[in-house]
Amino acid sequence: MLLEDKIAVIAGDAYSVGQATALLFMREGAKVVLIDDQAGSPQSTSLQISAQEVPFVHADVTDSAQVQAAAQACERRLATV
């Protein structure tokens, strides 16, 4: 597994590129945190790999305050980012 013991923060999970990236990184062993401003998006990716718990953070990456809050949420959930 190429990404074992790595942490990846994937923004834009609601769209095809972000979703494909998240799925690939998870398959390669990364711990993934999904960030998106679309409320329903975490289910679209995280349910495709049901064996792994995938944290989701609701944030608009064009808003620096939301990005900072998302980074803090990631640190709380994974202990390090």
Protein backbone atom coordinates (compact mmCIF):
# COMPACT_ATOMS: atom_id res chain seq x y z
CA MET A 1 0.00 0.00 0.00
CA LEU A 2 1.58 3.21 -1.18
CA LEU A 3 -0.07 5.57 1.32
CA GLU A 4 -0.14 3.44 4.47
CA ASP A 5 0.25 5.55 7.64
CA LYS A 6 -0.36 8.76 5.66
CA ILE A 7 -3.16 11.27 6.21
CA ALA A 8 -4.88 12.93 3.27
CA VAL A 9 -7.35 15.80 3.43
CA ILE A 10 -9.51 15.69 0.31
CA ALA A 11 -11.53 18.78 -0.58
CA GLY A 12 -14.38 18.63 -3.06
CA ASP A 13 -15.67 15.15 -2.22
CA ALA A 14 -19.04 15.95 -3.82
CA TYR A 15 -17.50 16.13 -7.27
CA SER A 16 -16.00 13.36 -9.39
CA VAL A 17 -12.30 14.29 -9.11
CA GLY A 18 -12.38 14.72 -5.32
CA GLN A 19 -14.42 11.57 -4.91
CA ALA A 20 -12.12 9.51 -7.14
CA THR A 21 -9.05 10.86 -5.31
CA ALA A 22 -10.52 10.01 -1.91
CA LEU A 23 -11.39 6.47 -3.00
CA LEU A 24 -7.94 5.87 -4.51
CA PHE A 25 -6.12 7.21 -1.44
CA MET A 26 -8.25 5.04 0.88
CA ARG A 27 -7.58 1.96 -1.23
CA GLU A 28 -3.86 2.70 -0.97
CA GLY A 29 -4.05 2.80 2.83
CA ALA A 30 -4.30 6.50 3.65
CA LYS A 31 -6.46 7.83 6.44
CA VAL A 32 -8.72 10.29 4.66
CA VAL A 33 -10.69 13.29 5.86
CA LEU A 34 -13.31 14.59 3.45
CA ILE A 35 -14.02 18.33 3.25
CA ASP A 36 -16.83 19.83 1.24
CA ASP A 37 -19.50 22.50 1.42
CA GLN A 38 -22.15 20.10 0.10
CA ALA A 39 -24.06 18.69 3.06
CA GLY A 40 -24.85 15.31 1.50
CA SER A 41 -21.45 14.55 0.05
CA PRO A 42 -19.80 12.40 2.74
CA GLN A 43 -22.18 9.54 2.16
CA SER A 44 -21.33 9.40 -1.52
CA THR A 45 -17.70 8.41 -0.93
CA SER A 46 -17.56 7.00 2.59
CA LEU A 47 -20.29 4.45 1.93
CA GLN A 48 -18.32 3.06 -1.01
CA ILE A 49 -15.64 1.88 1.42
CA SER A 50 -17.73 0.75 4.36
CA ALA A 51 -14.90 -0.95 6.26
CA GLN A 52 -13.15 2.33 6.98
CA GLU A 53 -14.53 5.20 9.04
CA VAL A 54 -14.11 8.39 7.03
CA PRO A 55 -14.45 11.70 8.88
CA PHE A 56 -16.28 14.49 7.06
CA VAL A 57 -15.87 18.20 7.72
CA HIS A 58 -18.37 20.66 6.28
CA ALA A 59 -16.41 23.68 5.02
CA ASP A 60 -16.17 26.08 2.09
CA VAL A 61 -12.50 26.05 1.06
CA THR A 62 -12.83 29.56 -0.39
CA ASP A 63 -13.40 30.91 3.14
CA SER A 64 -10.15 31.05 5.13
CA ALA A 65 -11.94 30.97 8.50
CA GLN A 66 -13.76 27.79 7.50
CA VAL A 67 -10.50 26.25 6.27
CA GLN A 68 -8.85 27.01 9.62
CA ALA A 69 -11.80 25.48 11.48
CA ALA A 70 -11.67 22.43 9.19
CA ALA A 71 -7.95 21.97 9.91
CA GLN A 72 -8.65 22.09 13.65
CA ALA A 73 -11.47 19.56 13.25
CA CYS A 74 -9.13 17.25 11.32
CA GLU A 75 -6.51 17.48 14.06
CA ARG A 76 -9.11 16.64 16.71
CA ARG A 77 -10.36 13.62 14.76
CA LEU A 78 -7.02 12.21 13.69
CA ALA A 79 -4.74 13.64 16.41
CA THR A 80 -2.34 14.93 13.73
CA VAL A 81 -2.59 16.51 10.30
